[in-house]
Amino acid sequence: MDESITWALYVDDSYSYKWKEVTASGDDYVYTEDGQQKTLQKESDGHGGYHYFIQTEEGSKRVLIDNKLDVRNGFPKYYVLKCSGQEDQVHLWSPVISRLAEMYLNRAEANAKLGNDVLALEDVNMIRSRAGIPDIGLHTMANLGDKSVLDVVLEERQLELAYEGHRKVDVFRNGRTMNREYPGTHLSGNSPIYTIPANDNAVVEYLPEGQLLIHEGLTQNP
């Protein structure tokens, strides 16, 4: 990472990363293209900040503003350190079996499915308040837009429990489609998988070979 250079990263229609070097000018970011200086478009995020966009031949693309990153095989290199570093050991992590935040989110999901929308949002907002999100970022029945209360709960689970192995189960448990429309090694091969519906055979785990050998009547999942 080079903190002296700022990038505006975006994803093109083939799910590849692209970026432009930009320079901050107040709340704006400017860059040079074909010898001309241009300014990223911006719109309020509703929380005192902005979302930024760049115009490309494929249309408007939302960008991520970050310091210049090292790149490997065309992918900016990010390191997830959430589940590591216990006792200063890089690969050591003892997972917490029962987390208070997860308990709140479990209850929020149950209340959302029971139609207890206000109670569900109270639990979600409990998590967000603990994370230091200001009141303007809390959820109410009036500011959900086109989202359902269950949408909000599952989004909060995605944020709170990121990189802890919950996402797949959360999506398929609720009969939803896993969206993998983003850059990554899962796009390699002649038939890249972009979305996986809950009824896809890929959702079903293979039976362990040891169990197939012990129980002659078992057949492998498709």
Protein backbone atom coordinates (compact mmCIF):
# COMPACT_ATOMS: atom_id res chain seq x y z
CA MET A 1 0.00 0.00 0.00
CA ASP A 2 1.31 3.44 -0.96
CA GLU A 3 -0.34 6.09 1.21
CA SER A 4 1.06 8.89 -0.99
CA ILE A 5 -1.11 7.83 -3.95
CA THR A 6 -4.91 7.60 -3.87
CA TRP A 7 -6.86 5.22 -6.08
CA ALA A 8 -10.46 5.17 -7.21
CA LEU A 9 -11.18 1.47 -7.76
CA TYR A 10 -14.15 0.13 -9.70
CA VAL A 11 -15.28 -3.11 -11.32
CA ASP A 12 -15.98 -3.34 -15.06
CA ASP A 13 -18.64 -5.46 -16.77
CA SER A 14 -16.32 -8.49 -16.90
CA TYR A 15 -15.86 -8.34 -13.11
CA SER A 16 -12.27 -7.15 -13.38
CA TYR A 17 -10.79 -4.42 -11.20
CA LYS A 18 -9.86 -1.09 -12.77
CA TRP A 19 -8.54 2.03 -11.10
CA LYS A 20 -7.56 5.65 -11.61
CA GLU A 21 -5.12 7.74 -9.62
CA VAL A 22 -7.08 10.59 -8.05
CA THR A 23 -6.28 13.67 -6.00
CA ALA A 24 -8.50 15.05 -3.27
CA SER A 25 -9.83 18.58 -3.70
CA GLY A 26 -12.06 19.31 -0.73
CA ASP A 27 -14.91 16.79 -0.95
CA ASP A 28 -14.12 16.14 -4.62
CA TYR A 29 -11.64 13.83 -6.34
CA VAL A 30 -10.01 14.73 -9.66
CA TYR A 31 -8.07 12.63 -12.15
CA THR A 32 -6.50 13.00 -15.58
CA GLU A 33 -7.73 11.09 -18.62
CA ASP A 34 -6.59 11.66 -22.21
CA GLY A 35 -4.83 14.82 -21.09
CA GLN A 36 -7.99 16.28 -19.56
CA GLN A 37 -8.71 16.80 -15.87
CA LYS A 38 -11.98 15.27 -14.75
CA THR A 39 -13.88 15.13 -11.47
CA LEU A 40 -15.56 12.07 -10.00
CA GLN A 41 -19.30 12.42 -9.70
CA LYS A 42 -20.64 12.31 -6.17
CA GLU A 43 -23.93 11.96 -4.35
CA SER A 44 -24.78 12.12 -0.66
CA ASP A 45 -24.77 8.83 1.19
CA GLY A 46 -27.36 10.21 3.62
CA HIS A 47 -24.95 9.99 6.55
CA GLY A 48 -22.79 13.07 6.07
CA GLY A 49 -20.50 11.54 3.44
CA TYR A 50 -20.57 10.80 -0.29
CA HIS A 51 -20.66 7.98 -2.79
CA TYR A 52 -18.34 8.58 -5.76
CA PHE A 53 -18.78 7.48 -9.38
CA ILE A 54 -16.67 7.46 -12.53
CA GLN A 55 -17.93 7.60 -16.10
CA THR A 56 -16.56 4.80 -18.32
CA GLU A 57 -17.39 3.45 -21.78
CA GLU A 58 -19.59 0.90 -19.97
CA GLY A 59 -21.47 3.61 -18.09
CA SER A 60 -21.29 5.04 -14.58
CA LYS A 61 -19.36 2.94 -12.06
CA ARG A 62 -19.28 3.42 -8.31
CA VAL A 63 -15.72 3.65 -7.01
CA LEU A 64 -13.93 2.83 -3.79
CA ILE A 65 -11.47 5.47 -2.65
CA ASP A 66 -8.36 3.90 -1.09
CA ASN A 67 -4.61 4.21 -0.90
CA LYS A 68 -2.67 2.64 -3.77
CA LEU A 69 -2.53 -1.12 -3.20
CA ASP A 70 -0.22 -3.91 -4.22
CA VAL A 71 -1.74 -6.03 -7.00
CA ARG A 72 -1.54 -9.77 -7.67
CA ASN A 73 -2.89 -11.21 -10.94
CA GLY A 74 -4.94 -8.07 -11.44
CA PHE A 75 -6.50 -8.19 -7.96
CA PRO A 76 -5.73 -5.51 -5.32
CA LYS A 77 -4.32 -7.28 -2.27
CA TYR A 78 -6.39 -6.93 0.89
CA TYR A 79 -5.67 -8.87 4.06
CA VAL A 80 -8.46 -10.01 6.36
CA LEU A 81 -7.12 -10.07 9.92
CA LYS A 82 -10.42 -10.44 11.76
CA CYS A 83 -10.02 -14.13 12.60
CA SER A 84 -6.30 -14.25 13.32
CA GLY A 85 -3.63 -12.76 15.52
CA GLN A 86 -4.57 -14.31 18.84
CA GLU A 87 -1.68 -13.97 21.30
CA ASP A 88 0.24 -12.27 18.45
CA GLN A 89 0.27 -15.51 16.43
CA VAL A 90 -0.63 -14.89 12.77
CA HIS A 91 -2.72 -18.03 12.23
CA LEU A 92 -4.05 -18.51 15.76
CA TRP A 93 -7.72 -17.87 16.48
CA SER A 94 -10.06 -19.44 18.98
CA PRO A 95 -13.59 -18.74 17.72
CA VAL A 96 -16.17 -17.45 20.15
CA ILE A 97 -18.98 -20.01 20.22
CA SER A 98 -21.67 -17.73 21.65
CA ARG A 99 -21.56 -14.05 20.74
CA LEU A 100 -23.95 -11.56 22.24
CA ALA A 101 -24.22 -9.77 18.87
CA GLU A 102 -25.18 -13.01 17.13
CA MET A 103 -27.84 -13.67 19.77
CA TYR A 104 -29.40 -10.27 19.10
CA LEU A 105 -29.32 -10.96 15.36
CA ASN A 106 -30.84 -14.42 15.80
CA ARG A 107 -33.70 -12.86 17.71
CA ALA A 108 -34.04 -10.08 15.14
CA GLU A 109 -34.36 -12.63 12.32
CA ALA A 110 -36.98 -14.58 14.25
CA ASN A 111 -38.99 -11.42 14.97
CA ALA A 112 -38.75 -10.33 11.33
CA LYS A 113 -40.26 -13.64 10.24
CA LEU A 114 -42.97 -13.39 12.90
CA GLY A 115 -43.95 -9.93 11.72
CA ASN A 116 -42.59 -8.19 14.83
CA ASP A 117 -40.84 -5.58 12.70
CA VAL A 118 -40.24 -2.93 15.37
CA LEU A 119 -38.68 -5.46 17.75
CA ALA A 120 -36.45 -6.78 14.96
CA LEU A 121 -35.17 -3.29 14.13
CA GLU A 122 -34.55 -2.56 17.81
CA ASP A 123 -32.14 -5.50 17.96
CA VAL A 124 -30.41 -4.47 14.73
CA ASN A 125 -30.03 -0.91 16.02
CA MET A 126 -28.59 -2.25 19.27
CA ILE A 127 -25.75 -3.75 17.21
CA ARG A 128 -25.27 -0.61 15.15
CA SER A 129 -25.25 1.68 18.19
CA ARG A 130 -22.60 -0.49 19.85
CA ALA A 131 -20.49 -0.10 16.69
CA GLY A 132 -20.60 3.69 17.09
CA ILE A 133 -22.96 4.38 14.20
CA PRO A 134 -24.73 7.74 14.78
CA ASP A 135 -28.50 7.98 15.12
CA ILE A 136 -28.85 8.99 11.47
CA GLY A 137 -27.57 5.53 10.54
CA LEU A 138 -30.11 3.63 12.61
CA HIS A 139 -33.08 1.86 11.01
CA THR A 140 -36.72 2.83 11.41
CA MET A 141 -39.84 1.62 9.65
CA ALA A 142 -39.86 4.95 7.80
CA ASN A 143 -36.37 4.78 6.26
CA LEU A 144 -36.19 1.23 4.91
CA GLY A 145 -36.92 2.28 1.33
CA ASP A 146 -37.66 -0.79 -0.78
CA LYS A 147 -36.03 -3.17 1.73
CA SER A 148 -37.95 -5.51 3.98
CA VAL A 149 -37.11 -5.81 7.67
CA LEU A 150 -35.66 -9.26 6.95
CA ASP A 151 -33.42 -7.68 4.27
CA VAL A 152 -32.08 -5.29 6.90
CA VAL A 153 -31.47 -8.07 9.41
CA LEU A 154 -29.58 -10.22 6.90
CA GLU A 155 -27.49 -7.26 5.76
CA GLU A 156 -26.53 -6.60 9.38
CA ARG A 157 -25.58 -10.25 9.80
CA GLN A 158 -23.38 -9.94 6.73
CA LEU A 159 -21.60 -6.94 8.24
CA GLU A 160 -21.35 -8.09 11.85
CA LEU A 161 -20.37 -11.72 11.14
CA ALA A 162 -18.16 -11.09 8.11
CA TYR A 163 -15.43 -13.70 7.46
CA GLU A 164 -16.76 -15.98 10.20
CA GLY A 165 -18.41 -18.54 7.92
CA HIS A 166 -22.07 -17.58 8.39
CA ARG A 167 -23.00 -16.05 5.04
CA LYS A 168 -23.67 -19.21 3.02
CA VAL A 169 -25.98 -20.64 5.69
CA ASP A 170 -27.75 -17.30 6.19
CA VAL A 171 -28.53 -16.96 2.49
CA PHE A 172 -29.69 -20.49 1.77
CA ARG A 173 -31.56 -20.86 5.07
CA ASN A 174 -33.82 -18.07 3.89
CA GLY A 175 -34.30 -19.48 0.40
CA ARG A 176 -32.32 -16.68 -1.21
CA THR A 177 -29.83 -16.60 -4.06
CA MET A 178 -26.12 -16.31 -3.36
CA ASN A 179 -24.80 -13.38 -5.39
CA ARG A 180 -21.18 -13.85 -6.45
CA GLU A 181 -21.14 -11.11 -9.06
CA TYR A 182 -17.80 -9.68 -7.98
CA PRO A 183 -14.15 -10.19 -8.96
CA GLY A 184 -12.40 -13.30 -7.69
CA THR A 185 -10.99 -16.71 -8.47
CA HIS A 186 -14.51 -18.20 -8.52
CA LEU A 187 -14.86 -16.63 -11.98
CA SER A 188 -12.12 -18.81 -13.50
CA GLY A 189 -12.92 -21.54 -16.02
CA ASN A 190 -15.29 -21.74 -18.94
CA SER A 191 -18.46 -21.69 -16.83
CA PRO A 192 -18.02 -19.14 -14.04
CA ILE A 193 -20.66 -19.22 -11.31
CA TYR A 194 -22.19 -15.80 -10.71
CA THR A 195 -25.34 -16.64 -8.77
CA ILE A 196 -26.44 -19.77 -6.91
CA PRO A 197 -30.14 -20.25 -6.05
CA ALA A 198 -31.06 -21.98 -2.81
CA ASN A 199 -32.32 -25.09 -4.67
CA ASP A 200 -29.10 -25.60 -6.65
CA ASN A 201 -27.32 -28.94 -6.18
CA ALA A 202 -24.14 -26.97 -5.44
CA VAL A 203 -25.70 -26.00 -2.09
CA VAL A 204 -25.72 -29.63 -0.92
CA GLU A 205 -22.45 -30.76 0.67
CA TYR A 206 -20.79 -34.02 -0.39
CA LEU A 207 -20.98 -36.94 2.03
CA PRO A 208 -17.56 -37.80 3.51
CA GLU A 209 -15.90 -40.72 1.76
CA GLY A 210 -15.39 -42.47 5.08
CA GLN A 211 -19.15 -42.53 5.68
CA LEU A 212 -19.82 -43.92 2.20
CA LEU A 213 -17.39 -46.76 2.88
CA ILE A 214 -18.93 -47.60 6.25
CA HIS A 215 -22.56 -47.40 5.14
CA GLU A 216 -22.97 -49.39 1.95
CA GLY A 217 -26.50 -48.12 1.33
CA LEU A 218 -25.48 -44.48 1.06
CA THR A 219 -25.19 -42.77 -2.31
CA GLN A 220 -23.27 -39.60 -2.90
CA ASN A 221 -25.19 -36.33 -3.12
CA PRO A 222 -25.48 -34.95 -6.68
